[in-house]
Amino acid sequence: MAYYVYILASRRDGAIYVGITNDLVRRTYEHRIKAVPGFTTKYNITRLVWFEIYDDPISAISREKELKKWKRAWKL
């Protein structure tokens, strides 16, 4: 099974969200339709700007944590 680490961004104010999923299409769709209340809904973050694929969840979680520690400018 593949695991994805992804970055979404808002078009308006440049807010960024880093996440992880095992179904990138489903998860980005959920963000777009605002299916789950939270940060992405509040800041209208819907645009997929980047993703990486991993074979195991441990590696994906590690990478997600690494990206979340980065400065905002490094993510763009």
PDB file of N, CA and C in Angstrom:
ATOM      1  N   MET A   1       0.839  -1.176   0.000  1.00  0.00           N
ATOM      2  CA  MET A   1       0.000   0.000   0.000  1.00  0.00           C
ATOM      3  C   MET A   1       0.887   1.243   0.000  1.00  0.00           C
ATOM      4  N   ALA A   2       0.471   2.248  -0.742  1.00  0.00           N
ATOM      5  CA  ALA A   2       1.211   3.506  -0.815  1.00  0.00           C
ATOM      6  C   ALA A   2       0.682   4.493   0.220  1.00  0.00           C
ATOM      7  N   TYR A   3       1.589   5.321   0.716  1.00  0.00           N
ATOM      8  CA  TYR A   3       1.243   6.389   1.649  1.00  0.00           C
ATOM      9  C   TYR A   3       1.764   7.690   1.065  1.00  0.00           C
ATOM     10  N   TYR A   4       0.982   8.738   1.191  1.00  0.00           N
ATOM     11  CA  TYR A   4       1.312  10.016   0.584  1.00  0.00           C
ATOM     12  C   TYR A   4       1.487  11.091   1.645  1.00  0.00           C
ATOM     13  N   VAL A   5       2.542  11.870   1.506  1.00  0.00           N
ATOM     14  CA  VAL A   5       2.729  13.086   2.287  1.00  0.00           C
ATOM     15  C   VAL A   5       2.464  14.207   1.291  1.00  0.00           C
ATOM     16  N   TYR A   6       1.601  15.140   1.671  1.00  0.00           N
ATOM     17  CA  TYR A   6       1.180  16.151   0.706  1.00  0.00           C
ATOM     18  C   TYR A   6       1.131  17.538   1.331  1.00  0.00           C
ATOM     19  N   ILE A   7       1.188  18.532   0.450  1.00  0.00           N
ATOM     20  CA  ILE A   7       1.046  19.927   0.870  1.00  0.00           C
ATOM     21  C   ILE A   7      -0.097  20.536   0.073  1.00  0.00           C
ATOM     22  N   LEU A   8      -1.012  21.171   0.805  1.00  0.00           N
ATOM     23  CA  LEU A   8      -2.099  21.936   0.206  1.00  0.00           C
ATOM     24  C   LEU A   8      -1.851  23.405   0.510  1.00  0.00           C
ATOM     25  N   ALA A   9      -2.319  24.280  -0.365  1.00  0.00           N
ATOM     26  CA  ALA A   9      -2.185  25.717  -0.134  1.00  0.00           C
ATOM     27  C   ALA A   9      -3.482  26.411  -0.521  1.00  0.00           C
ATOM     28  N   SER A  10      -3.732  27.545   0.113  1.00  0.00           N
ATOM     29  CA  SER A  10      -4.907  28.338  -0.252  1.00  0.00           C
ATOM     30  C   SER A  10      -4.509  29.291  -1.367  1.00  0.00           C
ATOM     31  N   ARG A  11      -5.453  29.636  -2.173  1.00  0.00           N
ATOM     32  CA  ARG A  11      -5.184  30.575  -3.264  1.00  0.00           C
ATOM     33  C   ARG A  11      -5.141  32.010  -2.756  1.00  0.00           C
ATOM     34  N   ARG A  12      -5.940  32.284  -1.742  1.00  0.00           N
ATOM     35  CA  ARG A  12      -6.106  33.661  -1.294  1.00  0.00           C
ATOM     36  C   ARG A  12      -4.967  34.170  -0.410  1.00  0.00           C
ATOM     37  N   ASP A  13      -4.764  33.545   0.737  1.00  0.00           N
ATOM     38  CA  ASP A  13      -3.809  34.103   1.698  1.00  0.00           C
ATOM     39  C   ASP A  13      -2.519  33.305   1.844  1.00  0.00           C
ATOM     40  N   GLY A  14      -2.352  32.253   1.070  1.00  0.00           N
ATOM     41  CA  GLY A  14      -1.110  31.495   1.093  1.00  0.00           C
ATOM     42  C   GLY A  14      -0.934  30.572   2.283  1.00  0.00           C
ATOM     43  N   ALA A  15      -2.026  30.250   2.982  1.00  0.00           N
ATOM     44  CA  ALA A  15      -1.935  29.312   4.099  1.00  0.00           C
ATOM     45  C   ALA A  15      -1.525  27.942   3.569  1.00  0.00           C
ATOM     46  N   ILE A  16      -0.764  27.195   4.378  1.00  0.00           N
ATOM     47  CA  ILE A  16      -0.224  25.896   3.964  1.00  0.00           C
ATOM     48  C   ILE A  16      -0.639  24.815   4.951  1.00  0.00           C
ATOM     49  N   TYR A  17      -0.934  23.627   4.405  1.00  0.00           N
ATOM     50  CA  TYR A  17      -1.283  22.471   5.231  1.00  0.00           C
ATOM     51  C   TYR A  17      -0.445  21.278   4.782  1.00  0.00           C
ATOM     52  N   VAL A  18       0.175  20.590   5.713  1.00  0.00           N
ATOM     53  CA  VAL A  18       0.940  19.373   5.421  1.00  0.00           C
ATOM     54  C   VAL A  18       0.179  18.209   6.030  1.00  0.00           C
ATOM     55  N   GLY A  19      -0.051  17.170   5.224  1.00  0.00           N
ATOM     56  CA  GLY A  19      -0.797  16.021   5.721  1.00  0.00           C
ATOM     57  C   GLY A  19      -0.265  14.707   5.190  1.00  0.00           C
ATOM     58  N   ILE A  20      -0.894  13.626   5.640  1.00  0.00           N
ATOM     59  CA  ILE A  20      -0.535  12.271   5.225  1.00  0.00           C
ATOM     60  C   ILE A  20      -1.820  11.493   4.983  1.00  0.00           C
ATOM     61  N   THR A  21      -1.801  10.604   3.994  1.00  0.00           N
ATOM     62  CA  THR A  21      -2.971   9.789   3.685  1.00  0.00           C
ATOM     63  C   THR A  21      -2.543   8.545   2.918  1.00  0.00           C
ATOM     64  N   ASN A  22      -3.429   7.566   2.857  1.00  0.00           N
ATOM     65  CA  ASN A  22      -3.170   6.397   2.014  1.00  0.00           C
ATOM     66  C   ASN A  22      -4.021   6.443   0.747  1.00  0.00           C
ATOM     67  N   ASP A  23      -4.821   7.505   0.580  1.00  0.00           N
ATOM     68  CA  ASP A  23      -5.645   7.693  -0.618  1.00  0.00           C
ATOM     69  C   ASP A  23      -5.661   9.188  -0.946  1.00  0.00           C
ATOM     70  N   LEU A  24      -4.733   9.619  -1.764  1.00  0.00           N
ATOM     71  CA  LEU A  24      -4.550  11.041  -2.051  1.00  0.00           C
ATOM     72  C   LEU A  24      -5.758  11.654  -2.756  1.00  0.00           C
ATOM     73  N   VAL A  25      -6.341  10.945  -3.695  1.00  0.00           N
ATOM     74  CA  VAL A  25      -7.498  11.470  -4.428  1.00  0.00           C
ATOM     75  C   VAL A  25      -8.664  11.710  -3.474  1.00  0.00           C
ATOM     76  N   ARG A  26      -8.970  10.718  -2.650  1.00  0.00           N
ATOM     77  CA  ARG A  26     -10.078  10.847  -1.690  1.00  0.00           C
ATOM     78  C   ARG A  26      -9.823  11.986  -0.710  1.00  0.00           C
ATOM     79  N   ARG A  27      -8.610  12.046  -0.185  1.00  0.00           N
ATOM     80  CA  ARG A  27      -8.305  13.042   0.846  1.00  0.00           C
ATOM     81  C   ARG A  27      -8.340  14.462   0.297  1.00  0.00           C
ATOM     82  N   THR A  28      -7.801  14.682  -0.894  1.00  0.00           N
ATOM     83  CA  THR A  28      -7.856  16.032  -1.469  1.00  0.00           C
ATOM     84  C   THR A  28      -9.297  16.409  -1.786  1.00  0.00           C
ATOM     85  N   TYR A  29     -10.101  15.438  -2.208  1.00  0.00           N
ATOM     86  CA  TYR A  29     -11.526  15.688  -2.447  1.00  0.00           C
ATOM     87  C   TYR A  29     -12.210  16.107  -1.145  1.00  0.00           C
ATOM     88  N   GLU A  30     -11.913  15.417  -0.055  1.00  0.00           N
ATOM     89  CA  GLU A  30     -12.496  15.765   1.248  1.00  0.00           C
ATOM     90  C   GLU A  30     -12.127  17.191   1.655  1.00  0.00           C
ATOM     91  N   HIS A  31     -10.895  17.586   1.382  1.00  0.00           N
ATOM     92  CA  HIS A  31     -10.498  18.965   1.684  1.00  0.00           C
ATOM     93  C   HIS A  31     -11.287  19.945   0.817  1.00  0.00           C
ATOM     94  N   ARG A  32     -11.467  19.624  -0.449  1.00  0.00           N
ATOM     95  CA  ARG A  32     -12.164  20.533  -1.371  1.00  0.00           C
ATOM     96  C   ARG A  32     -13.629  20.726  -1.025  1.00  0.00           C
ATOM     97  N   ILE A  33     -14.294  19.655  -0.611  1.00  0.00           N
ATOM     98  CA  ILE A  33     -15.722  19.783  -0.280  1.00  0.00           C
ATOM     99  C   ILE A  33     -15.939  20.142   1.192  1.00  0.00           C
ATOM    100  N   LYS A  34     -14.851  20.334   1.908  1.00  0.00           N
ATOM    101  CA  LYS A  34     -14.898  20.706   3.330  1.00  0.00           C
ATOM    102  C   LYS A  34     -15.665  19.674   4.155  1.00  0.00           C
ATOM    103  N   ALA A  35     -15.375  18.408   3.896  1.00  0.00           N
ATOM    104  CA  ALA A  35     -16.054  17.298   4.571  1.00  0.00           C
ATOM    105  C   ALA A  35     -15.697  17.206   6.045  1.00  0.00           C
ATOM    106  N   VAL A  36     -14.514  17.662   6.408  1.00  0.00           N
ATOM    107  CA  VAL A  36     -14.061  17.582   7.798  1.00  0.00           C
ATOM    108  C   VAL A  36     -13.724  18.994   8.280  1.00  0.00           C
ATOM    109  N   PRO A  37     -14.402  19.456   9.333  1.00  0.00           N
ATOM    110  CA  PRO A  37     -14.074  20.793   9.833  1.00  0.00           C
ATOM    111  C   PRO A  37     -12.661  20.823  10.421  1.00  0.00           C
ATOM    112  N   GLY A  38     -11.994  21.934  10.241  1.00  0.00           N
ATOM    113  CA  GLY A  38     -10.636  22.052  10.765  1.00  0.00           C
ATOM    114  C   GLY A  38      -9.876  23.166  10.071  1.00  0.00           C
ATOM    115  N   PHE A  39      -8.567  23.078  10.129  1.00  0.00           N
ATOM    116  CA  PHE A  39      -7.679  24.112   9.599  1.00  0.00           C
ATOM    117  C   PHE A  39      -7.923  24.372   8.115  1.00  0.00           C
ATOM    118  N   THR A  40      -8.020  23.312   7.309  1.00  0.00           N
ATOM    119  CA  THR A  40      -8.179  23.508   5.861  1.00  0.00           C
ATOM    120  C   THR A  40      -9.526  24.125   5.519  1.00  0.00           C
ATOM    121  N   THR A  41     -10.548  23.800   6.278  1.00  0.00           N
ATOM    122  CA  THR A  41     -11.865  24.394   6.059  1.00  0.00           C
ATOM    123  C   THR A  41     -11.843  25.866   6.457  1.00  0.00           C
ATOM    124  N   LYS A  42     -11.276  26.152   7.604  1.00  0.00           N
ATOM    125  CA  LYS A  42     -11.231  27.524   8.127  1.00  0.00           C
ATOM    126  C   LYS A  42     -10.506  28.473   7.176  1.00  0.00           C
ATOM    127  N   TYR A  43      -9.402  28.020   6.585  1.00  0.00           N
ATOM    128  CA  TYR A  43      -8.590  28.872   5.724  1.00  0.00           C
ATOM    129  C   TYR A  43      -8.774  28.589   4.233  1.00  0.00           C
ATOM    130  N   ASN A  44      -9.789  27.804   3.893  1.00  0.00           N
ATOM    131  CA  ASN A  44     -10.114  27.486   2.495  1.00  0.00           C
ATOM    132  C   ASN A  44      -8.891  26.965   1.731  1.00  0.00           C
ATOM    133  N   ILE A  45      -8.235  25.985   2.304  1.00  0.00           N
ATOM    134  CA  ILE A  45      -7.036  25.392   1.710  1.00  0.00           C
ATOM    135  C   ILE A  45      -7.463  24.183   0.884  1.00  0.00           C
ATOM    136  N   THR A  46      -7.387  24.305  -0.439  1.00  0.00           N
ATOM    137  CA  THR A  46      -7.901  23.251  -1.314  1.00  0.00           C
ATOM    138  C   THR A  46      -6.963  22.854  -2.445  1.00  0.00           C
ATOM    139  N   ARG A  47      -5.918  23.598  -2.670  1.00  0.00           N
ATOM    140  CA  ARG A  47      -5.059  23.363  -3.837  1.00  0.00           C
ATOM    141  C   ARG A  47      -3.878  22.458  -3.493  1.00  0.00           C
ATOM    142  N   LEU A  48      -3.829  21.289  -4.135  1.00  0.00           N
ATOM    143  CA  LEU A  48      -2.704  20.371  -3.951  1.00  0.00           C
ATOM    144  C   LEU A  48      -1.508  20.933  -4.711  1.00  0.00           C
ATOM    145  N   VAL A  49      -0.421  21.193  -3.988  1.00  0.00           N
ATOM    146  CA  VAL A  49       0.749  21.790  -4.639  1.00  0.00           C
ATOM    147  C   VAL A  49       1.953  20.857  -4.681  1.00  0.00           C
ATOM    148  N   TRP A  50       1.918  19.765  -3.870  1.00  0.00           N
ATOM    149  CA  TRP A  50       3.076  18.874  -3.838  1.00  0.00           C
ATOM    150  C   TRP A  50       2.723  17.595  -3.095  1.00  0.00           C
ATOM    151  N   PHE A  51       3.351  16.475  -3.503  1.00  0.00           N
ATOM    152  CA  PHE A  51       3.198  15.229  -2.749  1.00  0.00           C
ATOM    153  C   PHE A  51       4.387  14.313  -2.993  1.00  0.00           C
ATOM    154  N   GLU A  52       4.604  13.392  -2.050  1.00  0.00           N
ATOM    155  CA  GLU A  52       5.615  12.341  -2.159  1.00  0.00           C
ATOM    156  C   GLU A  52       4.940  11.019  -1.817  1.00  0.00           C
ATOM    157  N   ILE A  53       5.454   9.931  -2.386  1.00  0.00           N
ATOM    158  CA  ILE A  53       4.890   8.599  -2.157  1.00  0.00           C
ATOM    159  C   ILE A  53       5.875   7.764  -1.340  1.00  0.00           C
ATOM    160  N   TYR A  54       5.338   7.046  -0.353  1.00  0.00           N
ATOM    161  CA  TYR A  54       6.143   6.162   0.502  1.00  0.00           C
ATOM    162  C   TYR A  54       5.500   4.782   0.556  1.00  0.00           C
ATOM    163  N   ASP A  55       6.325   3.768   0.759  1.00  0.00           N
ATOM    164  CA  ASP A  55       5.845   2.387   0.815  1.00  0.00           C
ATOM    165  C   ASP A  55       5.313   1.980   2.182  1.00  0.00           C
ATOM    166  N   ASP A  56       5.733   2.699   3.219  1.00  0.00           N
ATOM    167  CA  ASP A  56       5.290   2.313   4.560  1.00  0.00           C
ATOM    168  C   ASP A  56       4.884   3.550   5.365  1.00  0.00           C
ATOM    169  N   PRO A  57       3.966   3.373   6.306  1.00  0.00           N
ATOM    170  CA  PRO A  57       3.459   4.517   7.070  1.00  0.00           C
ATOM    171  C   PRO A  57       4.506   5.166   7.978  1.00  0.00           C
ATOM    172  N   ILE A  58       5.450   4.397   8.475  1.00  0.00           N
ATOM    173  CA  ILE A  58       6.474   4.947   9.366  1.00  0.00           C
ATOM    174  C   ILE A  58       7.307   6.007   8.640  1.00  0.00           C
ATOM    175  N   SER A  59       7.733   5.692   7.425  1.00  0.00           N
ATOM    176  CA  SER A  59       8.518   6.646   6.623  1.00  0.00           C
ATOM    177  C   SER A  59       7.694   7.887   6.290  1.00  0.00           C
ATOM    178  N   ALA A  60       6.435   7.681   5.952  1.00  0.00           N
ATOM    179  CA  ALA A  60       5.564   8.803   5.600  1.00  0.00           C
ATOM    180  C   ALA A  60       5.337   9.718   6.800  1.00  0.00           C
ATOM    181  N   ILE A  61       5.083   9.148   7.952  1.00  0.00           N
ATOM    182  CA  ILE A  61       4.870   9.939   9.168  1.00  0.00           C
ATOM    183  C   ILE A  61       6.135  10.710   9.533  1.00  0.00           C
ATOM    184  N   SER A  62       7.268  10.068   9.388  1.00  0.00           N
ATOM    185  CA  SER A  62       8.558  10.711   9.661  1.00  0.00           C
ATOM    186  C   SER A  62       8.751  11.932   8.768  1.00  0.00           C
ATOM    187  N   ARG A  63       8.463  11.759   7.495  1.00  0.00           N
ATOM    188  CA  ARG A  63       8.617  12.855   6.532  1.00  0.00           C
ATOM    189  C   ARG A  63       7.625  13.985   6.821  1.00  0.00           C
ATOM    190  N   GLU A  64       6.396  13.628   7.162  1.00  0.00           N
ATOM    191  CA  GLU A  64       5.394  14.644   7.495  1.00  0.00           C
ATOM    192  C   GLU A  64       5.869  15.488   8.682  1.00  0.00           C
ATOM    193  N   LYS A  65       6.366  14.840   9.706  1.00  0.00           N
ATOM    194  CA  LYS A  65       6.864  15.560  10.889  1.00  0.00           C
ATOM    195  C   LYS A  65       8.035  16.464  10.528  1.00  0.00           C
ATOM    196  N   GLU A  66       8.900  15.969   9.657  1.00  0.00           N
ATOM    197  CA  GLU A  66      10.051  16.754   9.197  1.00  0.00           C
ATOM    198  C   GLU A  66       9.581  18.021   8.478  1.00  0.00           C
ATOM    199  N   LEU A  67       8.620  17.865   7.569  1.00  0.00           N
ATOM    200  CA  LEU A  67       8.109  19.012   6.812  1.00  0.00           C
ATOM    201  C   LEU A  67       7.405  20.015   7.713  1.00  0.00           C
ATOM    202  N   LYS A  68       6.685  19.529   8.697  1.00  0.00           N
ATOM    203  CA  LYS A  68       5.962  20.429   9.599  1.00  0.00           C
ATOM    204  C   LYS A  68       6.917  21.282  10.429  1.00  0.00           C
ATOM    205  N   LYS A  69       8.151  20.835  10.601  1.00  0.00           N
ATOM    206  CA  LYS A  69       9.149  21.611  11.340  1.00  0.00           C
ATOM    207  C   LYS A  69       9.809  22.682  10.471  1.00  0.00           C
ATOM    208  N   TRP A  70       9.703  22.536   9.154  1.00  0.00           N
ATOM    209  CA  TRP A  70      10.325  23.493   8.244  1.00  0.00           C
ATOM    210  C   TRP A  70       9.684  24.866   8.378  1.00  0.00           C
ATOM    211  N   LYS A  71      10.458  25.877   8.050  1.00  0.00           N
ATOM    212  CA  LYS A  71       9.912  27.227   7.964  1.00  0.00           C
ATOM    213  C   LYS A  71       8.979  27.280   6.760  1.00  0.00           C
ATOM    214  N   ARG A  72       7.997  28.133   6.844  1.00  0.00           N
ATOM    215  CA  ARG A  72       6.993  28.244   5.787  1.00  0.00           C
ATOM    216  C   ARG A  72       7.634  28.486   4.414  1.00  0.00           C
ATOM    217  N   ALA A  73       8.605  29.363   4.342  1.00  0.00           N
ATOM    218  CA  ALA A  73       9.248  29.715   3.072  1.00  0.00           C
ATOM    219  C   ALA A  73       9.920  28.512   2.417  1.00  0.00           C
ATOM    220  N   TRP A  74      10.422  27.575   3.210  1.00  0.00           N
ATOM    221  CA  TRP A  74      11.085  26.394   2.657  1.00  0.00           C
ATOM    222  C   TRP A  74      10.083  25.462   1.986  1.00  0.00           C
ATOM    223  N   LYS A  75       8.836  25.498   2.426  1.00  0.00           N
ATOM    224  CA  LYS A  75       7.813  24.600   1.891  1.00  0.00           C
ATOM    225  C   LYS A  75       7.339  25.041   0.515  1.00  0.00           C
ATOM    226  N   LEU A  76       7.527  26.307   0.215  1.00  0.00           N
ATOM    227  CA  LEU A  76       7.030  26.815  -1.064  1.00  0.00           C
ATOM    228  C   LEU A  76       8.055  26.795  -2.105  1.00  0.00           C
TER     229      LEU A  76
END
